[in-house]
Amino acid sequence: MRIAPRDGDASLLALTPVAGPAATDEVVESGGVRLFLEFSTAAVLRDKVLDARMDDRGSAGFLISAPACEKHRG
């Protein structure tokens, strides 16, 4: 899977199935899953968490979130 700006708009991201990374992509691996991040997207997502879930109908959904900072937890 590759995450990159959608239609050249850096404020919108697209997740696209691909066979391999582009020459300038950053490759991230976790739990046997490989993600390819377009170089500008990699910088934006560096401190984020990608969560993948299946809904009741079997469709995949994705959520990108920022983990809570330890010093700001109550």
PDB file of N, CA and C in Angstrom:
ATOM      1  N   MET A   1       0.840  -1.163   0.000  1.00  0.00           N
ATOM      2  CA  MET A   1       0.000   0.000   0.000  1.00  0.00           C
ATOM      3  C   MET A   1       0.890   1.232   0.000  1.00  0.00           C
ATOM      4  N   ARG A   2       0.419   2.251  -0.702  1.00  0.00           N
ATOM      5  CA  ARG A   2       1.164   3.512  -0.788  1.00  0.00           C
ATOM      6  C   ARG A   2       0.264   4.647  -0.334  1.00  0.00           C
ATOM      7  N   ILE A   3       0.817   5.537   0.497  1.00  0.00           N
ATOM      8  CA  ILE A   3       0.106   6.729   0.929  1.00  0.00           C
ATOM      9  C   ILE A   3       0.813   7.925   0.304  1.00  0.00           C
ATOM     10  N   ALA A   4       0.034   8.734  -0.406  1.00  0.00           N
ATOM     11  CA  ALA A   4       0.583   9.896  -1.108  1.00  0.00           C
ATOM     12  C   ALA A   4      -0.501  10.959  -1.218  1.00  0.00           C
ATOM     13  N   PRO A   5      -0.108  12.212  -1.522  1.00  0.00           N
ATOM     14  CA  PRO A   5      -1.118  13.251  -1.713  1.00  0.00           C
ATOM     15  C   PRO A   5      -2.080  12.862  -2.826  1.00  0.00           C
ATOM     16  N   ARG A   6      -3.337  13.197  -2.620  1.00  0.00           N
ATOM     17  CA  ARG A   6      -4.382  12.889  -3.608  1.00  0.00           C
ATOM     18  C   ARG A   6      -4.467  14.029  -4.606  1.00  0.00           C
ATOM     19  N   ASP A   7      -4.322  13.715  -5.866  1.00  0.00           N
ATOM     20  CA  ASP A   7      -4.406  14.694  -6.954  1.00  0.00           C
ATOM     21  C   ASP A   7      -3.496  15.889  -6.713  1.00  0.00           C
ATOM     22  N   GLY A   8      -2.326  15.653  -6.105  1.00  0.00           N
ATOM     23  CA  GLY A   8      -1.369  16.716  -5.873  1.00  0.00           C
ATOM     24  C   GLY A   8      -1.707  17.647  -4.725  1.00  0.00           C
ATOM     25  N   ASP A   9      -2.792  17.380  -4.000  1.00  0.00           N
ATOM     26  CA  ASP A   9      -3.212  18.219  -2.870  1.00  0.00           C
ATOM     27  C   ASP A   9      -2.672  17.611  -1.583  1.00  0.00           C
ATOM     28  N   ALA A  10      -1.675  18.254  -0.981  1.00  0.00           N
ATOM     29  CA  ALA A  10      -1.023  17.707   0.209  1.00  0.00           C
ATOM     30  C   ALA A  10      -1.945  17.598   1.413  1.00  0.00           C
ATOM     31  N   SER A  11      -3.099  18.285   1.387  1.00  0.00           N
ATOM     32  CA  SER A  11      -4.026  18.205   2.515  1.00  0.00           C
ATOM     33  C   SER A  11      -4.939  16.981   2.431  1.00  0.00           C
ATOM     34  N   LEU A  12      -4.923  16.281   1.283  1.00  0.00           N
ATOM     35  CA  LEU A  12      -5.715  15.064   1.097  1.00  0.00           C
ATOM     36  C   LEU A  12      -4.771  13.906   0.809  1.00  0.00           C
ATOM     37  N   LEU A  13      -4.998  12.782   1.482  1.00  0.00           N
ATOM     38  CA  LEU A  13      -4.145  11.611   1.265  1.00  0.00           C
ATOM     39  C   LEU A  13      -4.926  10.492   0.610  1.00  0.00           C
ATOM     40  N   ALA A  14      -4.247   9.739  -0.233  1.00  0.00           N
ATOM     41  CA  ALA A  14      -4.843   8.576  -0.889  1.00  0.00           C
ATOM     42  C   ALA A  14      -4.046   7.338  -0.513  1.00  0.00           C
ATOM     43  N   LEU A  15      -4.751   6.266  -0.246  1.00  0.00           N
ATOM     44  CA  LEU A  15      -4.149   4.962   0.041  1.00  0.00           C
ATOM     45  C   LEU A  15      -4.407   4.092  -1.182  1.00  0.00           C
ATOM     46  N   THR A  16      -3.324   3.655  -1.833  1.00  0.00           N
ATOM     47  CA  THR A  16      -3.437   2.943  -3.097  1.00  0.00           C
ATOM     48  C   THR A  16      -2.659   1.634  -3.042  1.00  0.00           C
ATOM     49  N   PRO A  17      -3.269   0.520  -3.471  1.00  0.00           N
ATOM     50  CA  PRO A  17      -2.510  -0.731  -3.541  1.00  0.00           C
ATOM     51  C   PRO A  17      -1.484  -0.655  -4.677  1.00  0.00           C
ATOM     52  N   VAL A  18      -0.239  -0.991  -4.375  1.00  0.00           N
ATOM     53  CA  VAL A  18       0.837  -0.990  -5.372  1.00  0.00           C
ATOM     54  C   VAL A  18       1.721  -2.213  -5.144  1.00  0.00           C
ATOM     55  N   ALA A  19       2.465  -2.601  -6.168  1.00  0.00           N
ATOM     56  CA  ALA A  19       3.351  -3.761  -6.071  1.00  0.00           C
ATOM     57  C   ALA A  19       4.637  -3.447  -5.312  1.00  0.00           C
ATOM     58  N   GLY A  20       5.074  -2.198  -5.357  1.00  0.00           N
ATOM     59  CA  GLY A  20       6.315  -1.825  -4.696  1.00  0.00           C
ATOM     60  C   GLY A  20       6.419  -0.319  -4.571  1.00  0.00           C
ATOM     61  N   PRO A  21       7.431   0.152  -3.847  1.00  0.00           N
ATOM     62  CA  PRO A  21       7.582   1.579  -3.626  1.00  0.00           C
ATOM     63  C   PRO A  21       8.104   2.312  -4.863  1.00  0.00           C
ATOM     64  N   ALA A  22       7.778   3.611  -4.938  1.00  0.00           N
ATOM     65  CA  ALA A  22       8.395   4.475  -5.941  1.00  0.00           C
ATOM     66  C   ALA A  22       9.834   4.737  -5.493  1.00  0.00           C
ATOM     67  N   ALA A  23      10.661   5.212  -6.380  1.00  0.00           N
ATOM     68  CA  ALA A  23      12.088   5.408  -6.082  1.00  0.00           C
ATOM     69  C   ALA A  23      12.322   6.323  -4.889  1.00  0.00           C
ATOM     70  N   THR A  24      11.459   7.303  -4.658  1.00  0.00           N
ATOM     71  CA  THR A  24      11.661   8.259  -3.568  1.00  0.00           C
ATOM     72  C   THR A  24      10.814   7.964  -2.328  1.00  0.00           C
ATOM     73  N   ASP A  25      10.077   6.851  -2.327  1.00  0.00           N
ATOM     74  CA  ASP A  25       9.215   6.521  -1.189  1.00  0.00           C
ATOM     75  C   ASP A  25      10.025   6.081   0.025  1.00  0.00           C
ATOM     76  N   GLU A  26       9.484   6.368   1.201  1.00  0.00           N
ATOM     77  CA  GLU A  26      10.021   5.818   2.443  1.00  0.00           C
ATOM     78  C   GLU A  26       9.233   4.548   2.731  1.00  0.00           C
ATOM     79  N   VAL A  27       9.921   3.469   3.069  1.00  0.00           N
ATOM     80  CA  VAL A  27       9.273   2.188   3.351  1.00  0.00           C
ATOM     81  C   VAL A  27       9.193   2.005   4.863  1.00  0.00           C
ATOM     82  N   VAL A  28       7.979   1.749   5.354  1.00  0.00           N
ATOM     83  CA  VAL A  28       7.744   1.524   6.780  1.00  0.00           C
ATOM     84  C   VAL A  28       7.183   0.120   6.934  1.00  0.00           C
ATOM     85  N   GLU A  29       7.771  -0.672   7.846  1.00  0.00           N
ATOM     86  CA  GLU A  29       7.296  -2.032   8.097  1.00  0.00           C
ATOM     87  C   GLU A  29       6.923  -2.195   9.556  1.00  0.00           C
ATOM     88  N   SER A  30       5.784  -2.836   9.794  1.00  0.00           N
ATOM     89  CA  SER A  30       5.343  -3.123  11.162  1.00  0.00           C
ATOM     90  C   SER A  30       4.407  -4.314  11.121  1.00  0.00           C
ATOM     91  N   GLY A  31       4.678  -5.300  11.952  1.00  0.00           N
ATOM     92  CA  GLY A  31       3.810  -6.464  12.040  1.00  0.00           C
ATOM     93  C   GLY A  31       3.623  -7.194  10.729  1.00  0.00           C
ATOM     94  N   GLY A  32       4.648  -7.200   9.880  1.00  0.00           N
ATOM     95  CA  GLY A  32       4.564  -7.890   8.600  1.00  0.00           C
ATOM     96  C   GLY A  32       3.880  -7.096   7.503  1.00  0.00           C
ATOM     97  N   VAL A  33       3.493  -5.869   7.799  1.00  0.00           N
ATOM     98  CA  VAL A  33       2.836  -5.003   6.809  1.00  0.00           C
ATOM     99  C   VAL A  33       3.834  -3.960   6.342  1.00  0.00           C
ATOM    100  N   ARG A  34       3.902  -3.766   5.025  1.00  0.00           N
ATOM    101  CA  ARG A  34       4.779  -2.735   4.444  1.00  0.00           C
ATOM    102  C   ARG A  34       3.943  -1.617   3.862  1.00  0.00           C
ATOM    103  N   LEU A  35       4.279  -0.385   4.241  1.00  0.00           N
ATOM    104  CA  LEU A  35       3.652   0.808   3.684  1.00  0.00           C
ATOM    105  C   LEU A  35       4.711   1.609   2.958  1.00  0.00           C
ATOM    106  N   PHE A  36       4.317   2.192   1.838  1.00  0.00           N
ATOM    107  CA  PHE A  36       5.209   3.050   1.082  1.00  0.00           C
ATOM    108  C   PHE A  36       4.661   4.470   1.206  1.00  0.00           C
ATOM    109  N   LEU A  37       5.479   5.370   1.726  1.00  0.00           N
ATOM    110  CA  LEU A  37       5.051   6.746   1.949  1.00  0.00           C
ATOM    111  C   LEU A  37       5.776   7.673   0.990  1.00  0.00           C
ATOM    112  N   GLU A  38       5.021   8.438   0.225  1.00  0.00           N
ATOM    113  CA  GLU A  38       5.592   9.465  -0.643  1.00  0.00           C
ATOM    114  C   GLU A  38       6.420  10.385   0.242  1.00  0.00           C
ATOM    115  N   PHE A  39       7.541  10.906  -0.250  1.00  0.00           N
ATOM    116  CA  PHE A  39       8.516  11.576   0.626  1.00  0.00           C
ATOM    117  C   PHE A  39       7.944  12.729   1.438  1.00  0.00           C
ATOM    118  N   SER A  40       7.087  13.584   0.889  1.00  0.00           N
ATOM    119  CA  SER A  40       6.524  14.697   1.675  1.00  0.00           C
ATOM    120  C   SER A  40       5.485  14.179   2.673  1.00  0.00           C
ATOM    121  N   THR A  41       4.797  13.114   2.315  1.00  0.00           N
ATOM    122  CA  THR A  41       3.807  12.513   3.212  1.00  0.00           C
ATOM    123  C   THR A  41       4.495  11.860   4.401  1.00  0.00           C
ATOM    124  N   ALA A  42       5.650  11.253   4.180  1.00  0.00           N
ATOM    125  CA  ALA A  42       6.393  10.601   5.265  1.00  0.00           C
ATOM    126  C   ALA A  42       6.722  11.599   6.364  1.00  0.00           C
ATOM    127  N   ALA A  43       7.100  12.804   6.009  1.00  0.00           N
ATOM    128  CA  ALA A  43       7.429  13.831   7.005  1.00  0.00           C
ATOM    129  C   ALA A  43       6.207  14.226   7.815  1.00  0.00           C
ATOM    130  N   VAL A  44       5.070  14.352   7.167  1.00  0.00           N
ATOM    131  CA  VAL A  44       3.825  14.736   7.846  1.00  0.00           C
ATOM    132  C   VAL A  44       3.339  13.627   8.781  1.00  0.00           C
ATOM    133  N   LEU A  45       3.525  12.375   8.386  1.00  0.00           N
ATOM    134  CA  LEU A  45       3.000  11.240   9.149  1.00  0.00           C
ATOM    135  C   LEU A  45       3.998  10.643  10.148  1.00  0.00           C
ATOM    136  N   ARG A  46       5.181  11.205  10.244  1.00  0.00           N
ATOM    137  CA  ARG A  46       6.247  10.616  11.060  1.00  0.00           C
ATOM    138  C   ARG A  46       5.820  10.305  12.495  1.00  0.00           C
ATOM    139  N   ASP A  47       5.058  11.166  13.145  1.00  0.00           N
ATOM    140  CA  ASP A  47       4.669  10.948  14.550  1.00  0.00           C
ATOM    141  C   ASP A  47       3.216  10.489  14.686  1.00  0.00           C
ATOM    142  N   LYS A  48       2.639   9.942  13.611  1.00  0.00           N
ATOM    143  CA  LYS A  48       1.240   9.522  13.608  1.00  0.00           C
ATOM    144  C   LYS A  48       1.117   8.004  13.683  1.00  0.00           C
ATOM    145  N   VAL A  49      -0.093   7.557  14.000  1.00  0.00           N
ATOM    146  CA  VAL A  49      -0.408   6.131  14.077  1.00  0.00           C
ATOM    147  C   VAL A  49      -1.473   5.830  13.024  1.00  0.00           C
ATOM    148  N   LEU A  50      -1.256   4.781  12.226  1.00  0.00           N
ATOM    149  CA  LEU A  50      -2.240   4.334  11.245  1.00  0.00           C
ATOM    150  C   LEU A  50      -2.957   3.129  11.828  1.00  0.00           C
ATOM    151  N   ASP A  51      -4.269   3.234  11.945  1.00  0.00           N
ATOM    152  CA  ASP A  51      -5.082   2.148  12.486  1.00  0.00           C
ATOM    153  C   ASP A  51      -5.997   1.648  11.379  1.00  0.00           C
ATOM    154  N   ALA A  52      -5.961   0.352  11.118  1.00  0.00           N
ATOM    155  CA  ALA A  52      -6.826  -0.262  10.111  1.00  0.00           C
ATOM    156  C   ALA A  52      -7.871  -1.115  10.815  1.00  0.00           C
ATOM    157  N   ARG A  53      -9.103  -0.992  10.360  1.00  0.00           N
ATOM    158  CA  ARG A  53     -10.205  -1.762  10.962  1.00  0.00           C
ATOM    159  C   ARG A  53     -11.151  -2.254   9.889  1.00  0.00           C
ATOM    160  N   MET A  54     -11.816  -3.358  10.199  1.00  0.00           N
ATOM    161  CA  MET A  54     -12.862  -3.892   9.317  1.00  0.00           C
ATOM    162  C   MET A  54     -14.205  -3.568   9.936  1.00  0.00           C
ATOM    163  N   ASP A  55     -15.155  -3.101   9.105  1.00  0.00           N
ATOM    164  CA  ASP A  55     -16.494  -2.840   9.628  1.00  0.00           C
ATOM    165  C   ASP A  55     -17.335  -4.113   9.573  1.00  0.00           C
ATOM    166  N   ASP A  56     -18.593  -4.031   9.980  1.00  0.00           N
ATOM    167  CA  ASP A  56     -19.474  -5.203  10.033  1.00  0.00           C
ATOM    168  C   ASP A  56     -19.705  -5.841   8.668  1.00  0.00           C
ATOM    169  N   ARG A  57     -19.510  -5.066   7.595  1.00  0.00           N
ATOM    170  CA  ARG A  57     -19.725  -5.574   6.242  1.00  0.00           C
ATOM    171  C   ARG A  57     -18.447  -6.073   5.588  1.00  0.00           C
ATOM    172  N   GLY A  58     -17.327  -6.032   6.342  1.00  0.00           N
ATOM    173  CA  GLY A  58     -16.061  -6.518   5.807  1.00  0.00           C
ATOM    174  C   GLY A  58     -15.269  -5.488   5.028  1.00  0.00           C
ATOM    175  N   SER A  59     -15.683  -4.230   5.072  1.00  0.00           N
ATOM    176  CA  SER A  59     -14.942  -3.169   4.390  1.00  0.00           C
ATOM    177  C   SER A  59     -13.857  -2.625   5.305  1.00  0.00           C
ATOM    178  N   ALA A  60     -12.696  -2.378   4.725  1.00  0.00           N
ATOM    179  CA  ALA A  60     -11.582  -1.843   5.506  1.00  0.00           C
ATOM    180  C   ALA A  60     -11.712  -0.334   5.647  1.00  0.00           C
ATOM    181  N   GLY A  61     -11.342   0.159   6.813  1.00  0.00           N
ATOM    182  CA  GLY A  61     -11.300   1.588   7.067  1.00  0.00           C
ATOM    183  C   GLY A  61      -9.988   1.928   7.727  1.00  0.00           C
ATOM    184  N   PHE A  62      -9.529   3.133   7.531  1.00  0.00           N
ATOM    185  CA  PHE A  62      -8.250   3.558   8.073  1.00  0.00           C
ATOM    186  C   PHE A  62      -8.409   4.876   8.812  1.00  0.00           C
ATOM    187  N   LEU A  63      -7.660   5.018   9.893  1.00  0.00           N
ATOM    188  CA  LEU A  63      -7.680   6.233  10.692  1.00  0.00           C
ATOM    189  C   LEU A  63      -6.239   6.608  10.997  1.00  0.00           C
ATOM    190  N   ILE A  64      -5.887   7.857  10.734  1.00  0.00           N
ATOM    191  CA  ILE A  64      -4.563   8.370  11.072  1.00  0.00           C
ATOM    192  C   ILE A  64      -4.748   9.286  12.270  1.00  0.00           C
ATOM    193  N   SER A  65      -4.013   9.016  13.342  1.00  0.00           N
ATOM    194  CA  SER A  65      -4.162   9.829  14.547  1.00  0.00           C
ATOM    195  C   SER A  65      -2.800  10.127  15.160  1.00  0.00           C
ATOM    196  N   ALA A  66      -2.790  11.153  16.004  1.00  0.00           N
ATOM    197  CA  ALA A  66      -1.579  11.508  16.747  1.00  0.00           C
ATOM    198  C   ALA A  66      -1.714  10.922  18.139  1.00  0.00           C
ATOM    199  N   PRO A  67      -0.735  10.134  18.571  1.00  0.00           N
ATOM    200  CA  PRO A  67      -0.821   9.572  19.925  1.00  0.00           C
ATOM    201  C   PRO A  67      -0.734  10.685  20.954  1.00  0.00           C
ATOM    202  N   ALA A  68      -1.385  10.476  22.102  1.00  0.00           N
ATOM    203  CA  ALA A  68      -1.359  11.480  23.176  1.00  0.00           C
ATOM    204  C   ALA A  68       0.058  11.605  23.716  1.00  0.00           C
ATOM    205  N   CYS A  69       0.443  12.815  23.958  1.00  0.00           N
ATOM    206  CA  CYS A  69       1.770  13.107  24.519  1.00  0.00           C
ATOM    207  C   CYS A  69       1.753  12.765  26.013  1.00  0.00           C
ATOM    208  N   GLU A  70       2.778  12.092  26.499  1.00  0.00           N
ATOM    209  CA  GLU A  70       2.849  11.673  27.902  1.00  0.00           C
ATOM    210  C   GLU A  70       2.690  12.847  28.869  1.00  0.00           C
ATOM    211  N   LYS A  71       3.309  13.989  28.581  1.00  0.00           N
ATOM    212  CA  LYS A  71       3.254  15.101  29.531  1.00  0.00           C
ATOM    213  C   LYS A  71       1.893  15.784  29.570  1.00  0.00           C
ATOM    214  N   HIS A  72       1.017  15.510  28.579  1.00  0.00           N
ATOM    215  CA  HIS A  72      -0.309  16.125  28.551  1.00  0.00           C
ATOM    216  C   HIS A  72      -1.421  15.193  29.050  1.00  0.00           C
ATOM    217  N   ARG A  73      -1.070  13.992  29.466  1.00  0.00           N
ATOM    218  CA  ARG A  73      -2.076  13.057  29.976  1.00  0.00           C
ATOM    219  C   ARG A  73      -2.439  13.445  31.402  1.00  0.00           C
ATOM    220  N   GLY A  74      -3.751  13.296  31.733  1.00  0.00           N
ATOM    221  CA  GLY A  74      -4.252  13.658  33.057  1.00  0.00           C
ATOM    222  C   GLY A  74      -3.975  12.614  34.032  1.00  0.00           C
TER     223      GLY A  74
END
